[in-house]
Amino acid sequence: MKKILILLFLYVNVFAAGQVGDKAMNFQLPNLYHLDKKMSFNDYKGKVVLLNVWASWCGGCKEEMPLFVKLQNEFKGSSFSILLSNIDTNSQNAVSFLKGVDSHRTLHAVYDGDKILPRAYRCIGMPSSYLIDKNGRIVDVFVGSINENTLFKLKAKIKALLRK
């Protein structure tokens, strides 16, 4: 019985997704549009951030991207940002896809070809999104694509976080 409990504990800690209350990981990754320039999570200090781990080959990722553009435009001028972390093998696949849905580059994006963030956040599905408060703490985790119903709830959470 003791062995089973130990194995269960290890499984939960190794395979669990980033948890509510966890501190967001700082990183320095290439800007998806300018690979020679680095972006850091510290660039978003004091902001509410929706960090989205995605790939251009992911159907759910493709479905939610137009909603993210709409969401970012709705909160334009606030201290809310959507930060995309693309894990494609070839960054140009991501850039090509985003040109079709975000031609004005409303969304900020980093390229994570080495998949640093999915490992750090222990992503268990694609896409995965992490709502992070102004203090850099994860306040909500969304595994799978965000749809209109989820978006409505997400907006309410963002508004509440911006008021704090």
C-alpha atoms as a PDB file:
ATOM      1  CA  MET A   1       0.000   0.000   0.000  1.00  0.00           C
ATOM      2  CA  LYS A   2       2.857   2.362   0.863  1.00  0.00           C
ATOM      3  CA  LYS A   3       4.442   1.788  -2.557  1.00  0.00           C
ATOM      4  CA  ILE A   4       1.160   2.590  -4.294  1.00  0.00           C
ATOM      5  CA  LEU A   5       0.826   5.866  -2.389  1.00  0.00           C
ATOM      6  CA  ILE A   6       4.401   6.839  -3.222  1.00  0.00           C
ATOM      7  CA  LEU A   7       3.864   6.047  -6.915  1.00  0.00           C
ATOM      8  CA  LEU A   8       0.588   8.001  -6.907  1.00  0.00           C
ATOM      9  CA  PHE A   9       2.330  10.987  -5.283  1.00  0.00           C
ATOM     10  CA  LEU A  10       5.114  10.883  -7.880  1.00  0.00           C
ATOM     11  CA  TYR A  11       2.616  10.581 -10.737  1.00  0.00           C
ATOM     12  CA  VAL A  12       0.590  13.582  -9.547  1.00  0.00           C
ATOM     13  CA  ASN A  13       3.700  15.733  -9.099  1.00  0.00           C
ATOM     14  CA  VAL A  14       5.388  14.753 -12.347  1.00  0.00           C
ATOM     15  CA  PHE A  15       2.361  14.765 -14.660  1.00  0.00           C
ATOM     16  CA  ALA A  16       0.130  17.451 -13.149  1.00  0.00           C
ATOM     17  CA  ALA A  17      -0.345  20.633 -15.094  1.00  0.00           C
ATOM     18  CA  GLY A  18       0.862  23.972 -13.776  1.00  0.00           C
ATOM     19  CA  GLN A  19      -1.243  24.577 -10.705  1.00  0.00           C
ATOM     20  CA  VAL A  20      -3.268  27.538  -9.528  1.00  0.00           C
ATOM     21  CA  GLY A  21      -1.079  29.414  -7.056  1.00  0.00           C
ATOM     22  CA  ASP A  22       2.198  28.442  -8.744  1.00  0.00           C
ATOM     23  CA  LYS A  23       4.573  31.254  -9.613  1.00  0.00           C
ATOM     24  CA  ALA A  24       4.837  31.869 -13.363  1.00  0.00           C
ATOM     25  CA  MET A  25       8.201  30.873 -14.753  1.00  0.00           C
ATOM     26  CA  ASN A  26      10.451  33.614 -16.007  1.00  0.00           C
ATOM     27  CA  PHE A  27      11.921  32.842 -19.401  1.00  0.00           C
ATOM     28  CA  GLN A  28      13.819  34.449 -22.199  1.00  0.00           C
ATOM     29  CA  LEU A  29      12.747  33.225 -25.631  1.00  0.00           C
ATOM     30  CA  PRO A  30      12.980  34.548 -29.183  1.00  0.00           C
ATOM     31  CA  ASN A  31      10.256  36.859 -30.429  1.00  0.00           C
ATOM     32  CA  LEU A  32       8.346  34.769 -32.982  1.00  0.00           C
ATOM     33  CA  TYR A  33       8.406  37.590 -35.536  1.00  0.00           C
ATOM     34  CA  HIS A  34      12.031  38.632 -34.910  1.00  0.00           C
ATOM     35  CA  LEU A  35      13.952  35.538 -33.828  1.00  0.00           C
ATOM     36  CA  ASP A  36      17.091  37.575 -33.127  1.00  0.00           C
ATOM     37  CA  LYS A  37      15.240  39.542 -30.406  1.00  0.00           C
ATOM     38  CA  LYS A  38      14.472  37.998 -27.018  1.00  0.00           C
ATOM     39  CA  MET A  39      11.326  38.388 -24.949  1.00  0.00           C
ATOM     40  CA  SER A  40      11.117  37.714 -21.242  1.00  0.00           C
ATOM     41  CA  PHE A  41       8.212  37.099 -18.890  1.00  0.00           C
ATOM     42  CA  ASN A  42       9.668  39.956 -16.832  1.00  0.00           C
ATOM     43  CA  ASP A  43       8.556  42.234 -19.698  1.00  0.00           C
ATOM     44  CA  TYR A  44       5.016  41.616 -18.414  1.00  0.00           C
ATOM     45  CA  LYS A  45       5.682  42.369 -14.754  1.00  0.00           C
ATOM     46  CA  GLY A  46       2.648  44.008 -13.142  1.00  0.00           C
ATOM     47  CA  LYS A  47       0.308  42.880 -15.933  1.00  0.00           C
ATOM     48  CA  VAL A  48      -2.426  40.293 -16.129  1.00  0.00           C
ATOM     49  CA  VAL A  49      -1.264  37.745 -18.715  1.00  0.00           C
ATOM     50  CA  LEU A  50      -2.890  34.893 -20.561  1.00  0.00           C
ATOM     51  CA  LEU A  51       0.015  32.615 -21.529  1.00  0.00           C
ATOM     52  CA  ASN A  52      -1.028  30.250 -24.296  1.00  0.00           C
ATOM     53  CA  VAL A  53       1.077  27.258 -25.387  1.00  0.00           C
ATOM     54  CA  TRP A  54       0.125  26.342 -28.952  1.00  0.00           C
ATOM     55  CA  ALA A  55       1.214  24.921 -32.309  1.00  0.00           C
ATOM     56  CA  SER A  56       0.086  25.588 -35.860  1.00  0.00           C
ATOM     57  CA  TRP A  57      -0.686  21.878 -36.392  1.00  0.00           C
ATOM     58  CA  CYS A  58      -3.110  21.849 -33.420  1.00  0.00           C
ATOM     59  CA  GLY A  59      -6.772  22.068 -34.476  1.00  0.00           C
ATOM     60  CA  GLY A  60      -7.985  23.480 -31.152  1.00  0.00           C
ATOM     61  CA  CYS A  61      -5.212  26.073 -31.215  1.00  0.00           C
ATOM     62  CA  LYS A  62      -6.358  27.246 -34.633  1.00  0.00           C
ATOM     63  CA  GLU A  63      -9.968  27.505 -33.433  1.00  0.00           C
ATOM     64  CA  GLU A  64      -9.208  29.688 -30.424  1.00  0.00           C
ATOM     65  CA  MET A  65      -6.737  32.098 -32.042  1.00  0.00           C
ATOM     66  CA  PRO A  66      -9.382  34.429 -33.568  1.00  0.00           C
ATOM     67  CA  LEU A  67     -11.025  34.598 -30.122  1.00  0.00           C
ATOM     68  CA  PHE A  68      -7.704  35.663 -28.621  1.00  0.00           C
ATOM     69  CA  VAL A  69      -7.349  38.479 -31.154  1.00  0.00           C
ATOM     70  CA  LYS A  70     -10.881  39.626 -30.287  1.00  0.00           C
ATOM     71  CA  LEU A  71     -10.131  39.349 -26.546  1.00  0.00           C
ATOM     72  CA  GLN A  72      -6.889  41.322 -26.780  1.00  0.00           C
ATOM     73  CA  ASN A  73      -8.633  44.049 -28.794  1.00  0.00           C
ATOM     74  CA  GLU A  74     -11.385  44.231 -26.175  1.00  0.00           C
ATOM     75  CA  PHE A  75      -8.787  44.908 -23.456  1.00  0.00           C
ATOM     76  CA  LYS A  76      -6.659  47.232 -25.593  1.00  0.00           C
ATOM     77  CA  GLY A  77      -5.069  49.966 -23.487  1.00  0.00           C
ATOM     78  CA  SER A  78      -5.366  47.959 -20.259  1.00  0.00           C
ATOM     79  CA  SER A  79      -2.652  46.088 -18.381  1.00  0.00           C
ATOM     80  CA  PHE A  80      -3.780  42.773 -19.899  1.00  0.00           C
ATOM     81  CA  SER A  81      -1.728  40.916 -22.510  1.00  0.00           C
ATOM     82  CA  ILE A  82      -2.016  37.646 -24.318  1.00  0.00           C
ATOM     83  CA  LEU A  83       1.346  35.985 -24.792  1.00  0.00           C
ATOM     84  CA  LEU A  84       1.533  33.102 -27.241  1.00  0.00           C
ATOM     85  CA  SER A  85       4.257  30.487 -26.908  1.00  0.00           C
ATOM     86  CA  ASN A  86       4.608  28.537 -30.131  1.00  0.00           C
ATOM     87  CA  ILE A  87       6.214  25.086 -30.090  1.00  0.00           C
ATOM     88  CA  ASP A  88       6.296  24.278 -33.821  1.00  0.00           C
ATOM     89  CA  THR A  89       9.418  22.625 -35.190  1.00  0.00           C
ATOM     90  CA  ASN A  90       9.600  25.378 -37.812  1.00  0.00           C
ATOM     91  CA  SER A  91       8.755  28.898 -36.592  1.00  0.00           C
ATOM     92  CA  GLN A  92       7.687  29.967 -40.098  1.00  0.00           C
ATOM     93  CA  ASN A  93       4.667  27.658 -39.886  1.00  0.00           C
ATOM     94  CA  ALA A  94       3.461  29.660 -36.892  1.00  0.00           C
ATOM     95  CA  VAL A  95       4.195  33.022 -38.500  1.00  0.00           C
ATOM     96  CA  SER A  96       2.296  31.990 -41.658  1.00  0.00           C
ATOM     97  CA  PHE A  97      -0.703  30.867 -39.643  1.00  0.00           C
ATOM     98  CA  LEU A  98      -0.781  34.022 -37.504  1.00  0.00           C
ATOM     99  CA  LYS A  99      -0.625  36.250 -40.602  1.00  0.00           C
ATOM    100  CA  GLY A 100      -4.045  34.873 -41.497  1.00  0.00           C
ATOM    101  CA  VAL A 101      -5.713  35.491 -38.136  1.00  0.00           C
ATOM    102  CA  ASP A 102      -3.685  38.341 -36.613  1.00  0.00           C
ATOM    103  CA  SER A 103      -2.381  40.447 -39.483  1.00  0.00           C
ATOM    104  CA  HIS A 104      -1.951  43.478 -37.186  1.00  0.00           C
ATOM    105  CA  ARG A 105       0.149  41.464 -34.713  1.00  0.00           C
ATOM    106  CA  THR A 106      -2.199  42.232 -31.854  1.00  0.00           C
ATOM    107  CA  LEU A 107      -0.937  39.194 -29.963  1.00  0.00           C
ATOM    108  CA  HIS A 108       2.597  38.981 -28.589  1.00  0.00           C
ATOM    109  CA  ALA A 109       4.355  35.737 -29.454  1.00  0.00           C
ATOM    110  CA  VAL A 110       7.523  33.880 -28.531  1.00  0.00           C
ATOM    111  CA  TYR A 111       9.065  30.888 -30.266  1.00  0.00           C
ATOM    112  CA  ASP A 112       9.766  27.912 -28.012  1.00  0.00           C
ATOM    113  CA  GLY A 113      11.146  25.292 -30.392  1.00  0.00           C
ATOM    114  CA  ASP A 114      12.875  23.528 -27.484  1.00  0.00           C
ATOM    115  CA  LYS A 115       9.530  23.269 -25.651  1.00  0.00           C
ATOM    116  CA  ILE A 116      10.844  24.842 -22.444  1.00  0.00           C
ATOM    117  CA  LEU A 117       7.487  26.225 -21.316  1.00  0.00           C
ATOM    118  CA  PRO A 118       5.429  23.054 -21.900  1.00  0.00           C
ATOM    119  CA  ARG A 119       7.902  21.165 -19.721  1.00  0.00           C
ATOM    120  CA  ALA A 120       8.058  23.874 -17.051  1.00  0.00           C
ATOM    121  CA  TYR A 121       4.265  24.176 -16.882  1.00  0.00           C
ATOM    122  CA  ARG A 122       3.796  20.425 -17.271  1.00  0.00           C
ATOM    123  CA  CYS A 123       1.319  20.845 -20.132  1.00  0.00           C
ATOM    124  CA  ILE A 124      -0.948  17.841 -20.375  1.00  0.00           C
ATOM    125  CA  GLY A 125      -2.801  18.876 -23.524  1.00  0.00           C
ATOM    126  CA  MET A 126      -2.756  21.234 -26.459  1.00  0.00           C
ATOM    127  CA  PRO A 127      -3.534  24.024 -26.343  1.00  0.00           C
ATOM    128  CA  SER A 128      -2.928  25.005 -22.721  1.00  0.00           C
ATOM    129  CA  SER A 129      -3.500  28.484 -21.336  1.00  0.00           C
ATOM    130  CA  TYR A 130      -2.498  29.973 -18.000  1.00  0.00           C
ATOM    131  CA  LEU A 131      -4.124  33.088 -16.574  1.00  0.00           C
ATOM    132  CA  ILE A 132      -1.492  34.892 -14.519  1.00  0.00           C
ATOM    133  CA  ASP A 133      -2.164  37.787 -12.148  1.00  0.00           C
ATOM    134  CA  LYS A 134      -0.202  41.028 -11.724  1.00  0.00           C
ATOM    135  CA  ASN A 135       1.939  39.350  -9.048  1.00  0.00           C
ATOM    136  CA  GLY A 136       3.016  36.573 -11.411  1.00  0.00           C
ATOM    137  CA  ARG A 137       0.854  33.814  -9.903  1.00  0.00           C
ATOM    138  CA  ILE A 138      -1.215  31.361 -11.932  1.00  0.00           C
ATOM    139  CA  VAL A 139      -4.879  31.960 -11.087  1.00  0.00           C
ATOM    140  CA  ASP A 140      -6.481  29.644 -13.641  1.00  0.00           C
ATOM    141  CA  VAL A 141      -5.484  26.889 -16.070  1.00  0.00           C
ATOM    142  CA  PHE A 142      -7.312  26.009 -19.283  1.00  0.00           C
ATOM    143  CA  VAL A 143      -6.425  22.727 -21.002  1.00  0.00           C
ATOM    144  CA  GLY A 144      -7.942  22.428 -24.446  1.00  0.00           C
ATOM    145  CA  SER A 145      -9.229  25.142 -26.706  1.00  0.00           C
ATOM    146  CA  ILE A 146     -11.083  28.138 -25.333  1.00  0.00           C
ATOM    147  CA  ASN A 147     -14.541  28.549 -26.840  1.00  0.00           C
ATOM    148  CA  GLU A 148     -17.158  31.325 -26.589  1.00  0.00           C
ATOM    149  CA  ASN A 149     -18.555  29.981 -23.275  1.00  0.00           C
ATOM    150  CA  THR A 150     -15.116  29.754 -21.691  1.00  0.00           C
ATOM    151  CA  LEU A 151     -14.238  33.167 -23.122  1.00  0.00           C
ATOM    152  CA  PHE A 152     -17.199  34.763 -21.317  1.00  0.00           C
ATOM    153  CA  LYS A 153     -15.967  33.384 -17.967  1.00  0.00           C
ATOM    154  CA  LEU A 154     -12.370  34.304 -18.788  1.00  0.00           C
ATOM    155  CA  LYS A 155     -13.338  37.933 -19.471  1.00  0.00           C
ATOM    156  CA  ALA A 156     -14.987  38.180 -16.051  1.00  0.00           C
ATOM    157  CA  LYS A 157     -11.829  36.838 -14.392  1.00  0.00           C
ATOM    158  CA  ILE A 158      -9.602  39.241 -16.327  1.00  0.00           C
ATOM    159  CA  LYS A 159     -11.781  42.209 -15.361  1.00  0.00           C
ATOM    160  CA  ALA A 160     -11.649  41.184 -11.687  1.00  0.00           C
ATOM    161  CA  LEU A 161      -7.861  40.804 -11.813  1.00  0.00           C
ATOM    162  CA  LEU A 162      -7.429  44.202 -13.483  1.00  0.00           C
ATOM    163  CA  ARG A 163      -9.429  45.846 -10.675  1.00  0.00           C
ATOM    164  CA  LYS A 164      -7.077  44.464  -8.003  1.00  0.00           C
END
